Amino acid sequence: MAKKKKKQAKKGRRTYSHKPEEIVPSRIKMPNRRIGEMFGRVVSILGNDRMEVFCEDEKHRIGRIRGKIKKRVWIRIGDLVVVSPWDWETEMKDKLGKCEITWRYMKSEISWLTRNRRIPDILDINKIPF
């Protein structure tokens, strides 16, 4: 007669309770004004990694997501981003200018920026002209 095997506890299957903690930002990236970077809000998503962005200088631009953050960061409508306008492109009356989206802010970073009054009033989510 064969011996019965005893049931063993499953190894490596421990459950831990994960309590989400609020992340306190230690360093926050600010737009580098010397090279022309500025704040912007995403107004609409156009597809193919392109978005319509309302910039700090009161212009609408078509923003292209930078390759470094393309797969790592998901950008949605209403997000606060840092954009760098394309200065080599000539602006036309009927066409929107173009820019590159280089950074997206998290909720904790946005709350810090609003508390310290770093975000311009024109970029308030409820006041953006369409």
Foldseek 3Di string as FASTA:
>chain_A
DDDDDDDDDDPPDDDDDDDDDDDADPDDDDFDPVQAKFKWFFAADDDPQWTWIQTPVRFIAIEHEDPVCPVPDDDDGGWIFIWHWDPVDDDDDVDHGYIYTDGTDDPNSVVVCVVVVVHDPCSDSVNPDD
